Amino acid sequence: MTTKQIATRMIALCAQKKFSEARHELFAKEVVCQEADNKKLKGLNALDKKQQAWMGSMEKIHGLKISKPLVNGNFFSVACTWDVTYKGQPQGGWKEMGVYEVKNGKVVLEKYFY
């Protein structure tokens, strides 16, 4: 798949809240995730654990808006606006930018900015 095809497919799956499916279909096994605080995780297993903890901290995702991807070479970026309720918290949200690097038809790096 091309970078644009991967970006388009990822957005389609994430818009349906199929985050795990997107990761396992489109990401390399040794993918690196760098959070906005520079904390790094490596590998699909680590990302799966991160997602399980994150999803377990929420009561509900009320809304998710995902921009069209901006593709340049083997990189793409996507802006997301989240509306969620975390357990024991009032409904709220945040905006994030994800930047992704693709090599050999798989995402090898995801980096988040808040």
C-alpha atoms as a PDB file:
ATOM      1  CA  MET A   1       0.000   0.000   0.000  1.00  0.00           C
ATOM      2  CA  THR A   2       1.097   3.544  -0.618  1.00  0.00           C
ATOM      3  CA  THR A   3       1.357   6.127   2.149  1.00  0.00           C
ATOM      4  CA  LYS A   4      -1.848   7.754   0.924  1.00  0.00           C
ATOM      5  CA  GLN A   5      -3.696   4.423   0.868  1.00  0.00           C
ATOM      6  CA  ILE A   6      -2.532   3.625   4.395  1.00  0.00           C
ATOM      7  CA  ALA A   7      -3.601   7.075   5.626  1.00  0.00           C
ATOM      8  CA  THR A   8      -7.029   6.770   4.000  1.00  0.00           C
ATOM      9  CA  ARG A   9      -7.577   3.264   5.371  1.00  0.00           C
ATOM     10  CA  MET A  10      -6.464   4.260   8.871  1.00  0.00           C
ATOM     11  CA  ILE A  11      -8.861   7.204   8.942  1.00  0.00           C
ATOM     12  CA  ALA A  12     -11.733   5.019   7.732  1.00  0.00           C
ATOM     13  CA  LEU A  13     -11.133   2.439  10.472  1.00  0.00           C
ATOM     14  CA  CYS A  14     -10.549   5.003  13.239  1.00  0.00           C
ATOM     15  CA  ALA A  15     -13.709   6.902  12.275  1.00  0.00           C
ATOM     16  CA  GLN A  16     -15.550   3.644  13.071  1.00  0.00           C
ATOM     17  CA  LYS A  17     -13.567   3.431  16.363  1.00  0.00           C
ATOM     18  CA  LYS A  18     -11.761   0.336  15.069  1.00  0.00           C
ATOM     19  CA  PHE A  19      -8.446   1.458  16.531  1.00  0.00           C
ATOM     20  CA  SER A  20      -7.048  -2.016  17.208  1.00  0.00           C
ATOM     21  CA  GLU A  21      -7.991  -3.260  13.747  1.00  0.00           C
ATOM     22  CA  ALA A  22      -6.273  -0.272  12.149  1.00  0.00           C
ATOM     23  CA  ARG A  23      -3.106  -0.846  14.137  1.00  0.00           C
ATOM     24  CA  HIS A  24      -2.886  -4.577  13.425  1.00  0.00           C
ATOM     25  CA  GLU A  25      -3.628  -4.156   9.727  1.00  0.00           C
ATOM     26  CA  LEU A  26      -1.458  -1.128   9.000  1.00  0.00           C
ATOM     27  CA  PHE A  27       1.371  -0.969  11.552  1.00  0.00           C
ATOM     28  CA  ALA A  28       4.704  -2.805  11.552  1.00  0.00           C
ATOM     29  CA  LYS A  29       5.231  -5.241  14.431  1.00  0.00           C
ATOM     30  CA  GLU A  30       8.106  -3.102  15.753  1.00  0.00           C
ATOM     31  CA  VAL A  31       6.294   0.246  15.379  1.00  0.00           C
ATOM     32  CA  VAL A  32       7.473   3.051  17.655  1.00  0.00           C
ATOM     33  CA  CYS A  33       4.980   5.368  19.346  1.00  0.00           C
ATOM     34  CA  GLN A  34       6.184   8.681  20.741  1.00  0.00           C
ATOM     35  CA  GLU A  35       3.732  10.557  22.925  1.00  0.00           C
ATOM     36  CA  ALA A  36       3.675  14.333  23.310  1.00  0.00           C
ATOM     37  CA  ASP A  37       5.654  14.014  26.563  1.00  0.00           C
ATOM     38  CA  ASN A  38       8.399  12.144  24.595  1.00  0.00           C
ATOM     39  CA  LYS A  39       7.555   8.819  26.274  1.00  0.00           C
ATOM     40  CA  LYS A  40       8.242   6.054  23.736  1.00  0.00           C
ATOM     41  CA  LEU A  41       6.695   2.634  23.320  1.00  0.00           C
ATOM     42  CA  LYS A  42       7.887  -0.013  20.894  1.00  0.00           C
ATOM     43  CA  GLY A  43       5.937  -2.845  19.313  1.00  0.00           C
ATOM     44  CA  LEU A  44       2.318  -3.749  18.717  1.00  0.00           C
ATOM     45  CA  ASN A  45       2.000  -5.477  22.095  1.00  0.00           C
ATOM     46  CA  ALA A  46       3.014  -2.293  23.935  1.00  0.00           C
ATOM     47  CA  LEU A  47       0.563  -0.240  21.857  1.00  0.00           C
ATOM     48  CA  ASP A  48      -2.210  -2.768  22.530  1.00  0.00           C
ATOM     49  CA  LYS A  49      -1.607  -2.480  26.298  1.00  0.00           C
ATOM     50  CA  LYS A  50      -1.606   1.322  26.060  1.00  0.00           C
ATOM     51  CA  GLN A  51      -4.921   1.279  24.199  1.00  0.00           C
ATOM     52  CA  GLN A  52      -6.517  -1.159  26.657  1.00  0.00           C
ATOM     53  CA  ALA A  53      -5.555   1.070  29.582  1.00  0.00           C
ATOM     54  CA  TRP A  54      -6.745   4.199  27.772  1.00  0.00           C
ATOM     55  CA  MET A  55     -10.074   2.681  26.721  1.00  0.00           C
ATOM     56  CA  GLY A  56     -10.547   1.302  30.233  1.00  0.00           C
ATOM     57  CA  SER A  57     -10.211   4.820  31.658  1.00  0.00           C
ATOM     58  CA  MET A  58     -13.169   6.115  29.634  1.00  0.00           C
ATOM     59  CA  GLU A  59     -16.878   5.858  30.128  1.00  0.00           C
ATOM     60  CA  LYS A  60     -17.764   6.959  26.615  1.00  0.00           C
ATOM     61  CA  ILE A  61     -16.432   8.452  23.395  1.00  0.00           C
ATOM     62  CA  HIS A  62     -19.111  10.989  22.447  1.00  0.00           C
ATOM     63  CA  GLY A  63     -17.468  12.183  19.275  1.00  0.00           C
ATOM     64  CA  LEU A  64     -14.362  11.956  17.153  1.00  0.00           C
ATOM     65  CA  LYS A  65     -13.586  14.232  14.220  1.00  0.00           C
ATOM     66  CA  ILE A  66     -10.682  13.237  11.988  1.00  0.00           C
ATOM     67  CA  SER A  67      -9.228  15.495   9.321  1.00  0.00           C
ATOM     68  CA  LYS A  68      -8.264  14.396   5.854  1.00  0.00           C
ATOM     69  CA  PRO A  69      -4.647  13.281   5.800  1.00  0.00           C
ATOM     70  CA  LEU A  70      -1.820  15.529   4.717  1.00  0.00           C
ATOM     71  CA  VAL A  71       0.585  13.243   2.827  1.00  0.00           C
ATOM     72  CA  ASN A  72       4.184  14.085   1.959  1.00  0.00           C
ATOM     73  CA  GLY A  73       6.473  11.321   0.761  1.00  0.00           C
ATOM     74  CA  ASN A  74       6.460   8.521   3.313  1.00  0.00           C
ATOM     75  CA  PHE A  75       4.860  10.679   6.036  1.00  0.00           C
ATOM     76  CA  PHE A  76       1.274  11.693   6.724  1.00  0.00           C
ATOM     77  CA  SER A  77      -0.414  13.720   9.427  1.00  0.00           C
ATOM     78  CA  VAL A  78      -3.949  13.733  10.771  1.00  0.00           C
ATOM     79  CA  ALA A  79      -5.692  16.138  13.162  1.00  0.00           C
ATOM     80  CA  CYS A  80      -8.238  14.697  15.599  1.00  0.00           C
ATOM     81  CA  THR A  81     -10.761  16.337  17.898  1.00  0.00           C
ATOM     82  CA  TRP A  82     -11.998  14.116  20.718  1.00  0.00           C
ATOM     83  CA  ASP A  83     -15.114  14.498  22.897  1.00  0.00           C
ATOM     84  CA  VAL A  84     -15.010  11.958  25.743  1.00  0.00           C
ATOM     85  CA  THR A  85     -16.053  11.260  29.299  1.00  0.00           C
ATOM     86  CA  TYR A  86     -13.367   9.712  31.494  1.00  0.00           C
ATOM     87  CA  LYS A  87     -14.490   7.715  34.520  1.00  0.00           C
ATOM     88  CA  GLY A  88     -15.309  10.060  37.397  1.00  0.00           C
ATOM     89  CA  GLN A  89     -14.760  13.165  35.251  1.00  0.00           C
ATOM     90  CA  PRO A  90     -17.059  15.573  33.418  1.00  0.00           C
ATOM     91  CA  GLN A  91     -17.390  15.320  29.668  1.00  0.00           C
ATOM     92  CA  GLY A  92     -14.528  17.072  27.883  1.00  0.00           C
ATOM     93  CA  GLY A  93     -12.128  16.771  25.054  1.00  0.00           C
ATOM     94  CA  TRP A  94      -8.872  17.669  23.395  1.00  0.00           C
ATOM     95  CA  LYS A  95      -7.238  18.138  20.016  1.00  0.00           C
ATOM     96  CA  GLU A  96      -4.243  16.201  18.819  1.00  0.00           C
ATOM     97  CA  MET A  97      -2.054  15.918  15.756  1.00  0.00           C
ATOM     98  CA  GLY A  98      -0.661  12.544  14.754  1.00  0.00           C
ATOM     99  CA  VAL A  99       2.314  12.234  12.431  1.00  0.00           C
ATOM    100  CA  TYR A 100       3.036   8.838  10.909  1.00  0.00           C
ATOM    101  CA  GLU A 101       5.987   7.433   8.980  1.00  0.00           C
ATOM    102  CA  VAL A 102       5.509   4.590   6.504  1.00  0.00           C
ATOM    103  CA  LYS A 103       8.187   2.153   5.316  1.00  0.00           C
ATOM    104  CA  ASN A 104       7.688  -1.007   3.273  1.00  0.00           C
ATOM    105  CA  GLY A 105       3.907  -0.544   3.293  1.00  0.00           C
ATOM    106  CA  LYS A 106       3.531  -0.318   7.096  1.00  0.00           C
ATOM    107  CA  VAL A 107       3.450   2.467   9.701  1.00  0.00           C
ATOM    108  CA  VAL A 108       6.776   2.342  11.566  1.00  0.00           C
ATOM    109  CA  LEU A 109       6.414   5.507  13.660  1.00  0.00           C
ATOM    110  CA  GLU A 110       3.521   7.400  15.184  1.00  0.00           C
ATOM    111  CA  LYS A 111       4.121  10.638  17.025  1.00  0.00           C
ATOM    112  CA  TYR A 112       1.497  12.703  18.846  1.00  0.00           C
ATOM    113  CA  PHE A 113       1.267  16.411  19.549  1.00  0.00           C
ATOM    114  CA  TYR A 114      -1.373  17.904  21.879  1.00  0.00           C
END
